[in-house]
N, C-alpha and C. Protein backbone atom coordinates (compact mmCIF):
# COMPACT_ATOMS: atom_id res chain seq x y z
N MET A 1 -2.55 8.23 25.84
CA MET A 1 -1.92 8.34 24.55
C MET A 1 -2.80 7.65 23.53
N SER A 2 -3.09 8.33 22.44
CA SER A 2 -3.90 7.71 21.39
C SER A 2 -3.00 6.94 20.44
N LEU A 3 -3.51 5.85 19.93
CA LEU A 3 -2.76 5.00 19.01
C LEU A 3 -3.07 5.41 17.59
N PRO A 4 -2.12 5.23 16.67
CA PRO A 4 -2.39 5.56 15.27
C PRO A 4 -3.42 4.60 14.68
N CYS A 5 -3.95 4.98 13.54
CA CYS A 5 -4.91 4.13 12.85
C CYS A 5 -4.26 2.80 12.47
N PRO A 6 -5.01 1.71 12.46
CA PRO A 6 -4.44 0.44 12.04
C PRO A 6 -3.82 0.57 10.65
N GLY A 7 -2.66 -0.04 10.49
CA GLY A 7 -1.98 0.02 9.21
C GLY A 7 -1.00 1.16 9.12
N SER A 8 -1.03 2.06 10.10
CA SER A 8 -0.08 3.17 10.05
C SER A 8 1.12 2.87 10.92
N VAL A 9 2.21 3.50 10.62
CA VAL A 9 3.41 3.37 11.44
C VAL A 9 4.00 4.75 11.65
N ASP A 10 4.78 4.89 12.70
CA ASP A 10 5.42 6.16 13.00
C ASP A 10 6.89 6.00 12.67
N GLN A 11 7.34 6.58 11.55
CA GLN A 11 8.72 6.44 11.12
C GLN A 11 9.18 7.80 10.63
N LYS A 12 9.66 8.64 11.56
CA LYS A 12 10.03 10.01 11.24
C LYS A 12 11.51 10.22 11.47
N GLY A 13 12.34 9.68 10.61
CA GLY A 13 13.77 9.92 10.72
C GLY A 13 14.34 9.51 12.06
N VAL A 14 13.97 8.36 12.57
CA VAL A 14 14.49 7.88 13.85
C VAL A 14 15.97 7.58 13.69
N PRO A 15 16.82 8.15 14.55
CA PRO A 15 18.25 7.88 14.43
C PRO A 15 18.56 6.42 14.73
N PRO A 16 19.72 5.91 14.24
CA PRO A 16 20.05 4.51 14.44
C PRO A 16 20.02 4.08 15.91
N CYS A 17 20.27 5.01 16.82
CA CYS A 17 20.27 4.64 18.24
C CYS A 17 18.90 4.87 18.86
N GLY A 18 17.92 5.30 18.07
CA GLY A 18 16.60 5.64 18.60
C GLY A 18 15.73 4.42 18.82
N PRO A 19 14.49 4.68 19.22
CA PRO A 19 13.56 3.57 19.51
C PRO A 19 13.11 2.90 18.22
N PRO A 20 12.66 1.65 18.31
CA PRO A 20 12.16 0.97 17.11
C PRO A 20 10.84 1.59 16.67
N VAL A 21 10.48 1.35 15.43
CA VAL A 21 9.20 1.80 14.91
C VAL A 21 8.10 1.04 15.63
N ARG A 22 7.02 1.73 15.95
CA ARG A 22 5.89 1.08 16.61
C ARG A 22 4.95 0.52 15.56
N VAL A 23 4.61 -0.73 15.69
CA VAL A 23 3.65 -1.36 14.78
C VAL A 23 2.60 -2.03 15.64
N PHE A 24 1.33 -1.84 15.29
CA PHE A 24 0.23 -2.35 16.08
C PHE A 24 -0.52 -3.42 15.31
N ASP A 25 -1.00 -4.44 16.03
CA ASP A 25 -1.81 -5.48 15.40
C ASP A 25 -3.15 -4.87 14.99
N PRO A 26 -3.71 -5.33 13.87
CA PRO A 26 -5.01 -4.79 13.45
C PRO A 26 -6.12 -5.35 14.33
N PRO A 27 -7.23 -4.63 14.41
CA PRO A 27 -8.37 -5.17 15.14
C PRO A 27 -8.89 -6.43 14.44
N THR A 28 -9.55 -7.27 15.17
CA THR A 28 -10.14 -8.47 14.61
C THR A 28 -11.06 -8.11 13.44
N GLY A 29 -10.88 -8.78 12.32
CA GLY A 29 -11.72 -8.54 11.15
C GLY A 29 -11.27 -7.38 10.28
N TRP A 30 -10.16 -6.73 10.60
CA TRP A 30 -9.67 -5.59 9.81
C TRP A 30 -9.35 -6.05 8.39
N LEU A 31 -9.91 -5.38 7.40
CA LEU A 31 -9.72 -5.77 6.01
C LEU A 31 -8.90 -4.75 5.22
N GLY A 32 -8.57 -3.62 5.82
CA GLY A 32 -7.81 -2.59 5.13
C GLY A 32 -6.33 -2.90 5.11
N PRO A 33 -5.53 -1.99 4.55
CA PRO A 33 -4.08 -2.19 4.52
C PRO A 33 -3.53 -2.30 5.94
N PHE A 34 -2.52 -3.14 6.09
CA PHE A 34 -1.90 -3.31 7.40
C PHE A 34 -0.39 -3.50 7.23
N VAL A 35 0.39 -2.70 7.93
CA VAL A 35 1.85 -2.80 7.90
C VAL A 35 2.31 -3.71 9.02
N SER A 36 3.10 -4.74 8.68
CA SER A 36 3.63 -5.63 9.71
C SER A 36 5.10 -5.36 10.00
N SER A 37 5.84 -4.80 9.01
CA SER A 37 7.25 -4.49 9.26
C SER A 37 7.78 -3.50 8.23
N LEU A 38 8.86 -2.83 8.63
CA LEU A 38 9.61 -1.92 7.76
C LEU A 38 11.06 -2.36 7.79
N THR A 39 11.69 -2.38 6.62
CA THR A 39 13.11 -2.74 6.55
C THR A 39 13.81 -1.74 5.66
N PRO A 40 14.71 -0.91 6.22
CA PRO A 40 15.06 -0.79 7.62
C PRO A 40 13.96 -0.07 8.39
N ASP A 41 14.03 -0.15 9.71
CA ASP A 41 13.00 0.48 10.54
C ASP A 41 13.44 1.84 11.08
N HIS A 42 14.53 2.39 10.53
CA HIS A 42 14.97 3.73 10.90
C HIS A 42 15.83 4.29 9.78
N GLY A 43 16.05 5.59 9.83
CA GLY A 43 16.88 6.22 8.81
C GLY A 43 17.15 7.65 9.17
N PRO A 44 17.97 8.33 8.39
CA PRO A 44 18.34 9.71 8.69
C PRO A 44 17.16 10.67 8.49
N ALA A 45 17.16 11.76 9.22
CA ALA A 45 16.10 12.77 9.11
C ALA A 45 16.08 13.42 7.73
N THR A 46 17.18 13.30 6.99
CA THR A 46 17.24 13.89 5.65
C THR A 46 16.44 13.10 4.63
N GLY A 47 15.97 11.89 5.00
CA GLY A 47 15.19 11.07 4.08
C GLY A 47 16.08 10.38 3.07
N GLY A 48 15.46 9.85 2.01
CA GLY A 48 16.20 9.18 0.96
C GLY A 48 16.51 7.72 1.22
N THR A 49 15.97 7.17 2.30
CA THR A 49 16.21 5.77 2.62
C THR A 49 15.24 4.88 1.84
N SER A 50 15.75 3.85 1.19
CA SER A 50 14.90 2.85 0.53
C SER A 50 14.31 1.96 1.62
N VAL A 51 13.00 1.87 1.66
CA VAL A 51 12.31 1.12 2.71
C VAL A 51 11.40 0.08 2.06
N ILE A 52 11.49 -1.16 2.53
CA ILE A 52 10.57 -2.21 2.12
C ILE A 52 9.50 -2.30 3.20
N ILE A 53 8.26 -2.10 2.79
CA ILE A 53 7.12 -2.16 3.70
C ILE A 53 6.43 -3.49 3.46
N SER A 54 6.32 -4.30 4.51
CA SER A 54 5.67 -5.61 4.41
C SER A 54 4.37 -5.57 5.17
N GLY A 55 3.39 -6.30 4.70
CA GLY A 55 2.10 -6.35 5.36
C GLY A 55 1.10 -7.05 4.48
N ARG A 56 -0.09 -6.45 4.37
CA ARG A 56 -1.12 -7.06 3.54
C ARG A 56 -2.11 -6.00 3.04
N ASN A 57 -2.82 -6.39 1.99
CA ASN A 57 -3.86 -5.55 1.39
C ASN A 57 -3.31 -4.23 0.83
N PHE A 58 -2.15 -4.29 0.16
CA PHE A 58 -1.53 -3.09 -0.40
C PHE A 58 -1.95 -2.81 -1.84
N SER A 59 -2.55 -3.77 -2.53
CA SER A 59 -2.95 -3.56 -3.92
C SER A 59 -3.85 -2.34 -4.03
N GLY A 60 -3.55 -1.50 -5.00
CA GLY A 60 -4.35 -0.29 -5.20
C GLY A 60 -3.94 0.88 -4.33
N ALA A 61 -2.85 0.75 -3.58
CA ALA A 61 -2.40 1.86 -2.73
C ALA A 61 -2.15 3.10 -3.59
N SER A 62 -2.64 4.24 -3.14
CA SER A 62 -2.47 5.48 -3.89
C SER A 62 -1.52 6.45 -3.20
N ALA A 63 -1.08 6.11 -1.99
CA ALA A 63 -0.15 6.97 -1.26
C ALA A 63 0.55 6.14 -0.19
N VAL A 64 1.76 6.58 0.16
CA VAL A 64 2.50 6.02 1.29
C VAL A 64 2.95 7.20 2.12
N MET A 65 2.61 7.17 3.40
CA MET A 65 2.93 8.28 4.29
C MET A 65 3.91 7.84 5.36
N PHE A 66 4.87 8.69 5.65
CA PHE A 66 5.79 8.52 6.77
C PHE A 66 5.40 9.62 7.75
N GLY A 67 4.55 9.27 8.72
CA GLY A 67 3.97 10.31 9.57
C GLY A 67 3.06 11.15 8.69
N ALA A 68 3.26 12.47 8.69
CA ALA A 68 2.45 13.37 7.88
C ALA A 68 3.07 13.64 6.51
N ASN A 69 4.23 13.05 6.23
CA ASN A 69 4.95 13.33 4.99
C ASN A 69 4.81 12.20 3.98
N PRO A 70 4.47 12.53 2.73
CA PRO A 70 4.36 11.48 1.72
C PRO A 70 5.74 10.95 1.31
N ALA A 71 5.78 9.67 0.97
CA ALA A 71 7.01 9.07 0.45
C ALA A 71 7.46 9.85 -0.77
N THR A 72 8.76 9.96 -0.96
CA THR A 72 9.30 10.63 -2.13
C THR A 72 8.89 9.88 -3.39
N ALA A 73 8.88 8.56 -3.32
CA ALA A 73 8.43 7.68 -4.40
C ALA A 73 8.05 6.34 -3.79
N PHE A 74 7.18 5.61 -4.46
CA PHE A 74 6.85 4.27 -3.99
C PHE A 74 6.34 3.42 -5.14
N THR A 75 6.51 2.10 -4.98
CA THR A 75 6.01 1.12 -5.93
C THR A 75 5.33 0.01 -5.15
N VAL A 76 4.11 -0.33 -5.54
CA VAL A 76 3.44 -1.48 -4.97
C VAL A 76 3.98 -2.70 -5.71
N VAL A 77 4.79 -3.50 -5.02
CA VAL A 77 5.40 -4.68 -5.62
C VAL A 77 4.35 -5.77 -5.79
N ASP A 78 3.59 -6.01 -4.73
CA ASP A 78 2.48 -6.95 -4.76
C ASP A 78 1.57 -6.62 -3.57
N ASP A 79 0.58 -7.44 -3.34
CA ASP A 79 -0.39 -7.17 -2.27
C ASP A 79 0.24 -7.11 -0.89
N ASN A 80 1.45 -7.68 -0.73
CA ASN A 80 2.10 -7.77 0.57
C ASN A 80 3.36 -6.92 0.70
N THR A 81 3.76 -6.21 -0.37
CA THR A 81 5.04 -5.50 -0.34
C THR A 81 4.95 -4.17 -1.07
N ILE A 82 5.50 -3.12 -0.45
CA ILE A 82 5.67 -1.82 -1.09
C ILE A 82 7.13 -1.42 -0.91
N ALA A 83 7.74 -0.91 -1.97
CA ALA A 83 9.08 -0.34 -1.90
C ALA A 83 8.90 1.18 -1.94
N ALA A 84 9.45 1.89 -0.95
CA ALA A 84 9.27 3.33 -0.87
C ALA A 84 10.59 4.02 -0.54
N ILE A 85 10.65 5.31 -0.85
CA ILE A 85 11.78 6.15 -0.48
C ILE A 85 11.27 7.13 0.58
N SER A 86 11.93 7.13 1.74
CA SER A 86 11.48 7.99 2.83
C SER A 86 11.74 9.46 2.51
N PRO A 87 10.81 10.33 2.93
CA PRO A 87 10.98 11.76 2.71
C PRO A 87 11.78 12.39 3.84
N PRO A 88 12.21 13.64 3.67
CA PRO A 88 12.84 14.32 4.81
C PRO A 88 11.82 14.46 5.94
N ALA A 89 12.31 14.43 7.17
CA ALA A 89 11.41 14.56 8.33
C ALA A 89 10.88 15.98 8.44
């Protein structure tokens, strides 16, 4: 099984009873964006969930992706926080 790129997460409308979102530690020396947590870490497949993305190196972000789907909207709050609206799965 191949792992996603560092900083990416797999969050595709996971039902409340589904598995948690997978988050991977960055490689040593990684300087790019890195996601450490999502709150909440699941939501309905219809999208529309407000999600707080925590991590680092978010300044200048030009897109937020939930799998292959772009966030409906997002705001870079600061270098460590993004507020996004999940898209439909």
